[in-house]
Amino acid sequence: MRTFRGIAILLPQLIILLDVGAKFDLLLGFNRTDAGFSILLALLVLSPAITLIWFVIETVLSIRPAKRQGKAISFMLPGLALFFFLESLGMDVYMLLHFRM
């Protein structure tokens, strides 16, 4: 589960890295190639999907033991997953507003 969390956290950051790297030309023109555009499109599709799956899994994993044992529900990890999901959606909207047809 830690590996999945790491991947879900890393994907929105890669979108930010590609955007900042392209803005300051730190990628040496990689963003202007077909591979750069393909990677950007893959990140724009995968990032919200994976972070949403992570959010659902964390919500289920925090609620299920609380119901069985009668303990209080912890919202720390679902809150973190929700934060990265909203960040992912925000970066998608930001990048989609900059695409030119």
PDB file of N, CA and C in Angstrom:
ATOM      1  N   MET A   1       0.831  -1.196   0.000  1.00  0.00           N
ATOM      2  CA  MET A   1       0.000   0.000   0.000  1.00  0.00           C
ATOM      3  C   MET A   1       0.871   1.253   0.000  1.00  0.00           C
ATOM      4  N   ARG A   2       2.036   1.186   0.617  1.00  0.00           N
ATOM      5  CA  ARG A   2       2.921   2.355   0.638  1.00  0.00           C
ATOM      6  C   ARG A   2       3.391   2.724  -0.760  1.00  0.00           C
ATOM      7  N   THR A   3       3.642   1.716  -1.581  1.00  0.00           N
ATOM      8  CA  THR A   3       4.073   1.985  -2.953  1.00  0.00           C
ATOM      9  C   THR A   3       2.958   2.673  -3.730  1.00  0.00           C
ATOM     10  N   PHE A   4       1.731   2.218  -3.562  1.00  0.00           N
ATOM     11  CA  PHE A   4       0.596   2.842  -4.238  1.00  0.00           C
ATOM     12  C   PHE A   4       0.410   4.281  -3.777  1.00  0.00           C
ATOM     13  N   ARG A   5       0.570   4.519  -2.471  1.00  0.00           N
ATOM     14  CA  ARG A   5       0.481   5.889  -1.951  1.00  0.00           C
ATOM     15  C   ARG A   5       1.560   6.767  -2.556  1.00  0.00           C
ATOM     16  N   GLY A   6       2.763   6.227  -2.646  1.00  0.00           N
ATOM     17  CA  GLY A   6       3.866   6.991  -3.223  1.00  0.00           C
ATOM     18  C   GLY A   6       3.619   7.352  -4.677  1.00  0.00           C
ATOM     19  N   ILE A   7       3.088   6.409  -5.432  1.00  0.00           N
ATOM     20  CA  ILE A   7       2.781   6.673  -6.844  1.00  0.00           C
ATOM     21  C   ILE A   7       1.673   7.713  -6.950  1.00  0.00           C
ATOM     22  N   ALA A   8       0.654   7.586  -6.114  1.00  0.00           N
ATOM     23  CA  ALA A   8      -0.465   8.532  -6.161  1.00  0.00           C
ATOM     24  C   ALA A   8      -0.021   9.933  -5.756  1.00  0.00           C
ATOM     25  N   ILE A   9       0.938  10.047  -4.874  1.00  0.00           N
ATOM     26  CA  ILE A   9       1.462  11.353  -4.478  1.00  0.00           C
ATOM     27  C   ILE A   9       2.381  11.917  -5.549  1.00  0.00           C
ATOM     28  N   LEU A  10       3.133  11.063  -6.204  1.00  0.00           N
ATOM     29  CA  LEU A  10       4.128  11.505  -7.185  1.00  0.00           C
ATOM     30  C   LEU A  10       3.507  11.991  -8.492  1.00  0.00           C
ATOM     31  N   LEU A  11       2.415  11.401  -8.937  1.00  0.00           N
ATOM     32  CA  LEU A  11       1.843  11.755 -10.239  1.00  0.00           C
ATOM     33  C   LEU A  11       1.434  13.224 -10.368  1.00  0.00           C
ATOM     34  N   PRO A  12       0.707  13.813  -9.412  1.00  0.00           N
ATOM     35  CA  PRO A  12       0.400  15.247  -9.559  1.00  0.00           C
ATOM     36  C   PRO A  12       1.654  16.129  -9.521  1.00  0.00           C
ATOM     37  N   GLN A  13       2.664  15.680  -8.779  1.00  0.00           N
ATOM     38  CA  GLN A  13       3.900  16.464  -8.717  1.00  0.00           C
ATOM     39  C   GLN A  13       4.637  16.437 -10.047  1.00  0.00           C
ATOM     40  N   LEU A  14       4.526  15.334 -10.778  1.00  0.00           N
ATOM     41  CA  LEU A  14       5.164  15.259 -12.094  1.00  0.00           C
ATOM     42  C   LEU A  14       4.509  16.217 -13.083  1.00  0.00           C
ATOM     43  N   ILE A  15       3.215  16.411 -12.964  1.00  0.00           N
ATOM     44  CA  ILE A  15       2.539  17.376 -13.826  1.00  0.00           C
ATOM     45  C   ILE A  15       3.063  18.779 -13.536  1.00  0.00           C
ATOM     46  N   ILE A  16       3.203  19.105 -12.263  1.00  0.00           N
ATOM     47  CA  ILE A  16       3.747  20.406 -11.880  1.00  0.00           C
ATOM     48  C   ILE A  16       5.181  20.552 -12.376  1.00  0.00           C
ATOM     49  N   LEU A  17       5.966  19.495 -12.241  1.00  0.00           N
ATOM     50  CA  LEU A  17       7.351  19.523 -12.701  1.00  0.00           C
ATOM     51  C   LEU A  17       7.429  19.747 -14.211  1.00  0.00           C
ATOM     52  N   LEU A  18       6.590  19.081 -14.978  1.00  0.00           N
ATOM     53  CA  LEU A  18       6.573  19.288 -16.426  1.00  0.00           C
ATOM     54  C   LEU A  18       6.163  20.715 -16.779  1.00  0.00           C
ATOM     55  N   ASP A  19       5.206  21.269 -16.059  1.00  0.00           N
ATOM     56  CA  ASP A  19       4.760  22.627 -16.338  1.00  0.00           C
ATOM     57  C   ASP A  19       5.845  23.648 -16.016  1.00  0.00           C
ATOM     58  N   VAL A  20       6.433  23.542 -14.844  1.00  0.00           N
ATOM     59  CA  VAL A  20       7.488  24.488 -14.454  1.00  0.00           C
ATOM     60  C   VAL A  20       8.729  24.304 -15.319  1.00  0.00           C
ATOM     61  N   GLY A  21       9.076  23.058 -15.613  1.00  0.00           N
ATOM     62  CA  GLY A  21      10.231  22.791 -16.468  1.00  0.00           C
ATOM     63  C   GLY A  21      10.041  23.329 -17.873  1.00  0.00           C
ATOM     64  N   ALA A  22       8.816  23.269 -18.382  1.00  0.00           N
ATOM     65  CA  ALA A  22       8.547  23.799 -19.723  1.00  0.00           C
ATOM     66  C   ALA A  22       8.553  25.327 -19.715  1.00  0.00           C
ATOM     67  N   LYS A  23       8.052  25.906 -18.632  1.00  0.00           N
ATOM     68  CA  LYS A  23       7.969  27.361 -18.562  1.00  0.00           C
ATOM     69  C   LYS A  23       9.358  28.000 -18.547  1.00  0.00           C
ATOM     70  N   PHE A  24      10.285  27.395 -17.815  1.00  0.00           N
ATOM     71  CA  PHE A  24      11.632  27.947 -17.706  1.00  0.00           C
ATOM     72  C   PHE A  24      12.633  27.235 -18.610  1.00  0.00           C
ATOM     73  N   ASP A  25      12.160  26.418 -19.537  1.00  0.00           N
ATOM     74  CA  ASP A  25      12.966  25.672 -20.501  1.00  0.00           C
ATOM     75  C   ASP A  25      14.043  24.822 -19.811  1.00  0.00           C
ATOM     76  N   LEU A  26      13.666  24.194 -18.729  1.00  0.00           N
ATOM     77  CA  LEU A  26      14.584  23.303 -18.012  1.00  0.00           C
ATOM     78  C   LEU A  26      14.594  21.902 -18.610  1.00  0.00           C
ATOM     79  N   LEU A  27      13.631  21.614 -19.478  1.00  0.00           N
ATOM     80  CA  LEU A  27      13.525  20.281 -20.069  1.00  0.00           C
ATOM     81  C   LEU A  27      14.241  20.191 -21.407  1.00  0.00           C
ATOM     82  N   LEU A  28      14.881  21.270 -21.820  1.00  0.00           N
ATOM     83  CA  LEU A  28      15.661  21.325 -23.060  1.00  0.00           C
ATOM     84  C   LEU A  28      14.830  20.937 -24.283  1.00  0.00           C
ATOM     85  N   GLY A  29      13.585  21.403 -24.317  1.00  0.00           N
ATOM     86  CA  GLY A  29      12.729  21.161 -25.468  1.00  0.00           C
ATOM     87  C   GLY A  29      11.991  19.845 -25.450  1.00  0.00           C
ATOM     88  N   PHE A  30      12.107  19.052 -24.380  1.00  0.00           N
ATOM     89  CA  PHE A  30      11.411  17.765 -24.313  1.00  0.00           C
ATOM     90  C   PHE A  30       9.895  17.942 -24.370  1.00  0.00           C
ATOM     91  N   ASN A  31       9.398  19.043 -23.831  1.00  0.00           N
ATOM     92  CA  ASN A  31       7.953  19.275 -23.826  1.00  0.00           C
ATOM     93  C   ASN A  31       7.415  19.545 -25.224  1.00  0.00           C
ATOM     94  N   ARG A  32       8.272  19.875 -26.170  1.00  0.00           N
ATOM     95  CA  ARG A  32       7.817  20.147 -27.537  1.00  0.00           C
ATOM     96  C   ARG A  32       7.847  18.908 -28.434  1.00  0.00           C
ATOM     97  N   THR A  33       8.288  17.785 -27.921  1.00  0.00           N
ATOM     98  CA  THR A  33       8.361  16.556 -28.718  1.00  0.00           C
ATOM     99  C   THR A  33       7.071  15.758 -28.569  1.00  0.00           C
ATOM    100  N   ASP A  34       6.918  14.754 -29.430  1.00  0.00           N
ATOM    101  CA  ASP A  34       5.747  13.884 -29.336  1.00  0.00           C
ATOM    102  C   ASP A  34       5.753  13.078 -28.040  1.00  0.00           C
ATOM    103  N   ALA A  35       6.931  12.650 -27.623  1.00  0.00           N
ATOM    104  CA  ALA A  35       7.026  11.875 -26.374  1.00  0.00           C
ATOM    105  C   ALA A  35       6.649  12.733 -25.172  1.00  0.00           C
ATOM    106  N   GLY A  36       7.065  13.980 -25.164  1.00  0.00           N
ATOM    107  CA  GLY A  36       6.723  14.874 -24.056  1.00  0.00           C
ATOM    108  C   GLY A  36       5.231  15.123 -23.974  1.00  0.00           C
ATOM    109  N   PHE A  37       4.603  15.317 -25.131  1.00  0.00           N
ATOM    110  CA  PHE A  37       3.160  15.537 -25.150  1.00  0.00           C
ATOM    111  C   PHE A  37       2.417  14.266 -24.748  1.00  0.00           C
ATOM    112  N   SER A  38       2.912  13.111 -25.180  1.00  0.00           N
ATOM    113  CA  SER A  38       2.279  11.842 -24.808  1.00  0.00           C
ATOM    114  C   SER A  38       2.369  11.592 -23.310  1.00  0.00           C
ATOM    115  N   ILE A  39       3.517  11.896 -22.737  1.00  0.00           N
ATOM    116  CA  ILE A  39       3.678  11.734 -21.283  1.00  0.00           C
ATOM    117  C   ILE A  39       2.752  12.684 -20.540  1.00  0.00           C
ATOM    118  N   LEU A  40       2.641  13.910 -21.016  1.00  0.00           N
ATOM    119  CA  LEU A  40       1.756  14.876 -20.379  1.00  0.00           C
ATOM    120  C   LEU A  40       0.300  14.417 -20.448  1.00  0.00           C
ATOM    121  N   LEU A  41      -0.132  13.920 -21.593  1.00  0.00           N
ATOM    122  CA  LEU A  41      -1.503  13.424 -21.710  1.00  0.00           C
ATOM    123  C   LEU A  41      -1.747  12.219 -20.816  1.00  0.00           C
ATOM    124  N   ALA A  42      -0.770  11.320 -20.748  1.00  0.00           N
ATOM    125  CA  ALA A  42      -0.908  10.154 -19.870  1.00  0.00           C
ATOM    126  C   ALA A  42      -1.009  10.587 -18.408  1.00  0.00           C
ATOM    127  N   LEU A  43      -0.208  11.560 -18.013  1.00  0.00           N
ATOM    128  CA  LEU A  43      -0.278  12.052 -16.635  1.00  0.00           C
ATOM    129  C   LEU A  43      -1.606  12.748 -16.354  1.00  0.00           C
ATOM    130  N   LEU A  44      -2.118  13.472 -17.330  1.00  0.00           N
ATOM    131  CA  LEU A  44      -3.394  14.162 -17.128  1.00  0.00           C
ATOM    132  C   LEU A  44      -4.555  13.187 -16.978  1.00  0.00           C
ATOM    133  N   VAL A  45      -4.446  12.021 -17.577  1.00  0.00           N
ATOM    134  CA  VAL A  45      -5.508  11.015 -17.457  1.00  0.00           C
ATOM    135  C   VAL A  45      -5.310  10.148 -16.220  1.00  0.00           C
ATOM    136  N   LEU A  46      -4.084   9.701 -15.997  1.00  0.00           N
ATOM    137  CA  LEU A  46      -3.822   8.761 -14.901  1.00  0.00           C
ATOM    138  C   LEU A  46      -3.853   9.403 -13.518  1.00  0.00           C
ATOM    139  N   SER A  47      -3.390  10.616 -13.412  1.00  0.00           N
ATOM    140  CA  SER A  47      -3.260  11.241 -12.103  1.00  0.00           C
ATOM    141  C   SER A  47      -4.591  11.349 -11.353  1.00  0.00           C
ATOM    142  N   PRO A  48      -5.645  11.908 -11.937  1.00  0.00           N
ATOM    143  CA  PRO A  48      -6.905  11.954 -11.184  1.00  0.00           C
ATOM    144  C   PRO A  48      -7.504  10.574 -10.931  1.00  0.00           C
ATOM    145  N   ALA A  49      -7.329   9.667 -11.881  1.00  0.00           N
ATOM    146  CA  ALA A  49      -7.896   8.327 -11.706  1.00  0.00           C
ATOM    147  C   ALA A  49      -7.230   7.597 -10.545  1.00  0.00           C
ATOM    148  N   ILE A  50      -5.917   7.635 -10.495  1.00  0.00           N
ATOM    149  CA  ILE A  50      -5.200   6.919  -9.432  1.00  0.00           C
ATOM    150  C   ILE A  50      -5.413   7.578  -8.079  1.00  0.00           C
ATOM    151  N   THR A  51      -5.430   8.908  -8.035  1.00  0.00           N
ATOM    152  CA  THR A  51      -5.660   9.567  -6.748  1.00  0.00           C
ATOM    153  C   THR A  51      -7.099   9.358  -6.264  1.00  0.00           C
ATOM    154  N   LEU A  52      -8.059   9.244  -7.183  1.00  0.00           N
ATOM    155  CA  LEU A  52      -9.429   8.941  -6.772  1.00  0.00           C
ATOM    156  C   LEU A  52      -9.527   7.528  -6.211  1.00  0.00           C
ATOM    157  N   ILE A  53      -8.866   6.589  -6.855  1.00  0.00           N
ATOM    158  CA  ILE A  53      -8.837   5.213  -6.340  1.00  0.00           C
ATOM    159  C   ILE A  53      -8.194   5.183  -4.959  1.00  0.00           C
ATOM    160  N   TRP A  54      -7.103   5.932  -4.789  1.00  0.00           N
ATOM    161  CA  TRP A  54      -6.424   6.001  -3.489  1.00  0.00           C
ATOM    162  C   TRP A  54      -7.355   6.592  -2.433  1.00  0.00           C
ATOM    163  N   PHE A  55      -8.101   7.637  -2.789  1.00  0.00           N
ATOM    164  CA  PHE A  55      -9.030   8.255  -1.848  1.00  0.00           C
ATOM    165  C   PHE A  55     -10.113   7.267  -1.409  1.00  0.00           C
ATOM    166  N   VAL A  56     -10.654   6.522  -2.350  1.00  0.00           N
ATOM    167  CA  VAL A  56     -11.703   5.546  -2.026  1.00  0.00           C
ATOM    168  C   VAL A  56     -11.133   4.440  -1.134  1.00  0.00           C
ATOM    169  N   ILE A  57      -9.951   3.939  -1.475  1.00  0.00           N
ATOM    170  CA  ILE A  57      -9.334   2.875  -0.673  1.00  0.00           C
ATOM    171  C   ILE A  57      -9.054   3.361   0.747  1.00  0.00           C
ATOM    172  N   GLU A  58      -8.493   4.558   0.885  1.00  0.00           N
ATOM    173  CA  GLU A  58      -8.196   5.082   2.225  1.00  0.00           C
ATOM    174  C   GLU A  58      -9.470   5.318   3.033  1.00  0.00           C
ATOM    175  N   THR A  59     -10.523   5.745   2.381  1.00  0.00           N
ATOM    176  CA  THR A  59     -11.789   5.955   3.086  1.00  0.00           C
ATOM    177  C   THR A  59     -12.344   4.628   3.597  1.00  0.00           C
ATOM    178  N   VAL A  60     -12.311   3.610   2.749  1.00  0.00           N
ATOM    179  CA  VAL A  60     -12.801   2.294   3.160  1.00  0.00           C
ATOM    180  C   VAL A  60     -11.926   1.720   4.270  1.00  0.00           C
ATOM    181  N   LEU A  61     -10.602   1.864   4.125  1.00  0.00           N
ATOM    182  CA  LEU A  61      -9.693   1.324   5.140  1.00  0.00           C
ATOM    183  C   LEU A  61      -9.800   2.047   6.478  1.00  0.00           C
ATOM    184  N   SER A  62     -10.241   3.282   6.492  1.00  0.00           N
ATOM    185  CA  SER A  62     -10.378   3.982   7.772  1.00  0.00           C
ATOM    186  C   SER A  62     -11.745   3.757   8.410  1.00  0.00           C
ATOM    187  N   ILE A  63     -12.768   3.522   7.605  1.00  0.00           N
ATOM    188  CA  ILE A  63     -14.115   3.344   8.158  1.00  0.00           C
ATOM    189  C   ILE A  63     -14.350   1.913   8.625  1.00  0.00           C
ATOM    190  N   ARG A  64     -13.848   0.938   7.881  1.00  0.00           N
ATOM    191  CA  ARG A  64     -14.123  -0.470   8.182  1.00  0.00           C
ATOM    192  C   ARG A  64     -13.673  -0.887   9.591  1.00  0.00           C
ATOM    193  N   PRO A  65     -12.420  -0.629  10.006  1.00  0.00           N
ATOM    194  CA  PRO A  65     -12.045  -1.030  11.379  1.00  0.00           C
ATOM    195  C   PRO A  65     -12.774  -0.234  12.461  1.00  0.00           C
ATOM    196  N   ALA A  66     -13.118   1.005  12.152  1.00  0.00           N
ATOM    197  CA  ALA A  66     -13.820   1.820  13.145  1.00  0.00           C
ATOM    198  C   ALA A  66     -15.216   1.263  13.423  1.00  0.00           C
ATOM    199  N   LYS A  67     -15.868   0.744  12.406  1.00  0.00           N
ATOM    200  CA  LYS A  67     -17.196   0.166  12.603  1.00  0.00           C
ATOM    201  C   LYS A  67     -17.124  -1.137  13.387  1.00  0.00           C
ATOM    202  N   ARG A  68     -16.097  -1.934  13.106  1.00  0.00           N
ATOM    203  CA  ARG A  68     -15.969  -3.229  13.786  1.00  0.00           C
ATOM    204  C   ARG A  68     -15.644  -3.067  15.267  1.00  0.00           C
ATOM    205  N   GLN A  69     -14.742  -2.153  15.587  1.00  0.00           N
ATOM    206  CA  GLN A  69     -14.260  -2.034  16.955  1.00  0.00           C
ATOM    207  C   GLN A  69     -14.936  -0.905  17.724  1.00  0.00           C
ATOM    208  N   GLY A  70     -15.752  -0.112  17.076  1.00  0.00           N
ATOM    209  CA  GLY A  70     -16.440   0.979  17.762  1.00  0.00           C
ATOM    210  C   GLY A  70     -15.531   2.138  18.101  1.00  0.00           C
ATOM    211  N   LYS A  71     -14.436   2.289  17.377  1.00  0.00           N
ATOM    212  CA  LYS A  71     -13.512   3.397  17.623  1.00  0.00           C
ATOM    213  C   LYS A  71     -13.904   4.608  16.790  1.00  0.00           C
ATOM    214  N   ALA A  72     -13.220   5.714  17.053  1.00  0.00           N
ATOM    215  CA  ALA A  72     -13.440   6.923  16.264  1.00  0.00           C
ATOM    216  C   ALA A  72     -12.755   6.774  14.904  1.00  0.00           C
ATOM    217  N   ILE A  73     -13.351   7.388  13.915  1.00  0.00           N
ATOM    218  CA  ILE A  73     -12.815   7.304  12.559  1.00  0.00           C
ATOM    219  C   ILE A  73     -11.697   8.327  12.395  1.00  0.00           C
ATOM    220  N   SER A  74     -10.580   7.869  11.852  1.00  0.00           N
ATOM    221  CA  SER A  74      -9.452   8.761  11.579  1.00  0.00           C
ATOM    222  C   SER A  74      -9.574   9.288  10.154  1.00  0.00           C
ATOM    223  N   PHE A  75      -9.524  10.611  10.016  1.00  0.00           N
ATOM    224  CA  PHE A  75      -9.648  11.235   8.709  1.00  0.00           C
ATOM    225  C   PHE A  75      -8.314  11.737   8.170  1.00  0.00           C
ATOM    226  N   MET A  76      -7.207  11.340   8.778  1.00  0.00           N
ATOM    227  CA  MET A  76      -5.911  11.868   8.356  1.00  0.00           C
ATOM    228  C   MET A  76      -5.521  11.374   6.964  1.00  0.00           C
ATOM    229  N   LEU A  77      -5.474  10.065   6.756  1.00  0.00           N
ATOM    230  CA  LEU A  77      -5.075   9.551   5.446  1.00  0.00           C
ATOM    231  C   LEU A  77      -6.124   9.792   4.364  1.00  0.00           C
ATOM    232  N   PRO A  78      -7.427   9.659   4.653  1.00  0.00           N
ATOM    233  CA  PRO A  78      -8.396  10.056   3.620  1.00  0.00           C
ATOM    234  C   PRO A  78      -8.327  11.547   3.288  1.00  0.00           C
ATOM    235  N   GLY A  79      -8.030  12.371   4.275  1.00  0.00           N
ATOM    236  CA  GLY A  79      -7.874  13.805   4.029  1.00  0.00           C
ATOM    237  C   GLY A  79      -6.666  14.098   3.154  1.00  0.00           C
ATOM    238  N   LEU A  80      -5.571  13.383   3.399  1.00  0.00           N
ATOM    239  CA  LEU A  80      -4.385  13.530   2.571  1.00  0.00           C
ATOM    240  C   LEU A  80      -4.665  13.075   1.142  1.00  0.00           C
ATOM    241  N   ALA A  81      -5.382  11.970   1.008  1.00  0.00           N
ATOM    242  CA  ALA A  81      -5.740  11.483  -0.323  1.00  0.00           C
ATOM    243  C   ALA A  81      -6.670  12.470  -1.027  1.00  0.00           C
ATOM    244  N   LEU A  82      -7.601  13.058  -0.299  1.00  0.00           N
ATOM    245  CA  LEU A  82      -8.502  14.049  -0.889  1.00  0.00           C
ATOM    246  C   LEU A  82      -7.726  15.280  -1.339  1.00  0.00           C
ATOM    247  N   PHE A  83      -6.744  15.705  -0.550  1.00  0.00           N
ATOM    248  CA  PHE A  83      -5.917  16.846  -0.923  1.00  0.00           C
ATOM    249  C   PHE A  83      -5.194  16.593  -2.241  1.00  0.00           C
ATOM    250  N   PHE A  84      -4.586  15.428  -2.390  1.00  0.00           N
ATOM    251  CA  PHE A  84      -3.866  15.134  -3.623  1.00  0.00           C
ATOM    252  C   PHE A  84      -4.827  14.920  -4.796  1.00  0.00           C
ATOM    253  N   PHE A  85      -6.022  14.420  -4.533  1.00  0.00           N
ATOM    254  CA  PHE A  85      -7.018  14.302  -5.597  1.00  0.00           C
ATOM    255  C   PHE A  85      -7.441  15.680  -6.093  1.00  0.00           C
ATOM    256  N   LEU A  86      -7.696  16.599  -5.168  1.00  0.00           N
ATOM    257  CA  LEU A  86      -8.072  17.946  -5.569  1.00  0.00           C
ATOM    258  C   LEU A  86      -6.916  18.667  -6.255  1.00  0.00           C
ATOM    259  N   GLU A  87      -5.685  18.413  -5.807  1.00  0.00           N
ATOM    260  CA  GLU A  87      -4.524  18.989  -6.480  1.00  0.00           C
ATOM    261  C   GLU A  87      -4.423  18.453  -7.906  1.00  0.00           C
ATOM    262  N   SER A  88      -4.664  17.182  -8.064  1.00  0.00           N
ATOM    263  CA  SER A  88      -4.613  16.563  -9.380  1.00  0.00           C
ATOM    264  C   SER A  88      -5.679  17.155 -10.305  1.00  0.00           C
ATOM    265  N   LEU A  89      -6.886  17.313  -9.796  1.00  0.00           N
ATOM    266  CA  LEU A  89      -7.946  17.922 -10.599  1.00  0.00           C
ATOM    267  C   LEU A  89      -7.627  19.369 -10.927  1.00  0.00           C
ATOM    268  N   GLY A  90      -7.072  20.086  -9.971  1.00  0.00           N
ATOM    269  CA  GLY A  90      -6.689  21.475 -10.206  1.00  0.00           C
ATOM    270  C   GLY A  90      -5.621  21.606 -11.282  1.00  0.00           C
ATOM    271  N   MET A  91      -4.637  20.722 -11.254  1.00  0.00           N
ATOM    272  CA  MET A  91      -3.589  20.762 -12.280  1.00  0.00           C
ATOM    273  C   MET A  91      -4.150  20.368 -13.638  1.00  0.00           C
ATOM    274  N   ASP A  92      -5.097  19.445 -13.674  1.00  0.00           N
ATOM    275  CA  ASP A  92      -5.728  19.081 -14.945  1.00  0.00           C
ATOM    276  C   ASP A  92      -6.473  20.269 -15.544  1.00  0.00           C
ATOM    277  N   VAL A  93      -7.233  20.958 -14.721  1.00  0.00           N
ATOM    278  CA  VAL A  93      -7.971  22.122 -15.208  1.00  0.00           C
ATOM    279  C   VAL A  93      -6.998  23.201 -15.673  1.00  0.00           C
ATOM    280  N   TYR A  94      -5.951  23.425 -14.902  1.00  0.00           N
ATOM    281  CA  TYR A  94      -4.944  24.431 -15.262  1.00  0.00           C
ATOM    282  C   TYR A  94      -4.283  24.082 -16.590  1.00  0.00           C
ATOM    283  N   MET A  95      -3.908  22.821 -16.773  1.00  0.00           N
ATOM    284  CA  MET A  95      -3.239  22.425 -18.011  1.00  0.00           C
ATOM    285  C   MET A  95      -4.224  22.447 -19.185  1.00  0.00           C
ATOM    286  N   LEU A  96      -5.459  22.057 -18.960  1.00  0.00           N
ATOM    287  CA  LEU A  96      -6.435  22.075 -20.042  1.00  0.00           C
ATOM    288  C   LEU A  96      -6.765  23.488 -20.496  1.00  0.00           C
ATOM    289  N   LEU A  97      -6.694  24.453 -19.581  1.00  0.00           N
ATOM    290  CA  LEU A  97      -6.932  25.840 -19.968  1.00  0.00           C
ATOM    291  C   LEU A  97      -5.781  26.388 -20.825  1.00  0.00           C
ATOM    292  N   HIS A  98      -4.617  25.777 -20.747  1.00  0.00           N
ATOM    293  CA  HIS A  98      -3.474  26.255 -21.522  1.00  0.00           C
ATOM    294  C   HIS A  98      -3.300  25.556 -22.853  1.00  0.00           C
ATOM    295  N   PHE A  99      -4.064  24.491 -23.103  1.00  0.00           N
ATOM    296  CA  PHE A  99      -3.967  23.824 -24.398  1.00  0.00           C
ATOM    297  C   PHE A  99      -4.604  24.700 -25.467  1.00  0.00           C
ATOM    298  N   ARG A 100      -3.970  24.751 -26.584  1.00  0.00           N
ATOM    299  CA  ARG A 100      -4.519  25.501 -27.723  1.00  0.00           C
ATOM    300  C   ARG A 100      -4.924  24.520 -28.780  1.00  0.00           C
ATOM    301  N   MET A 101      -6.071  24.704 -29.322  1.00  0.00           N
ATOM    302  CA  MET A 101      -6.546  23.800 -30.379  1.00  0.00           C
ATOM    303  C   MET A 101      -6.033  24.273 -31.718  1.00  0.00           C
TER     304      MET A 101
END
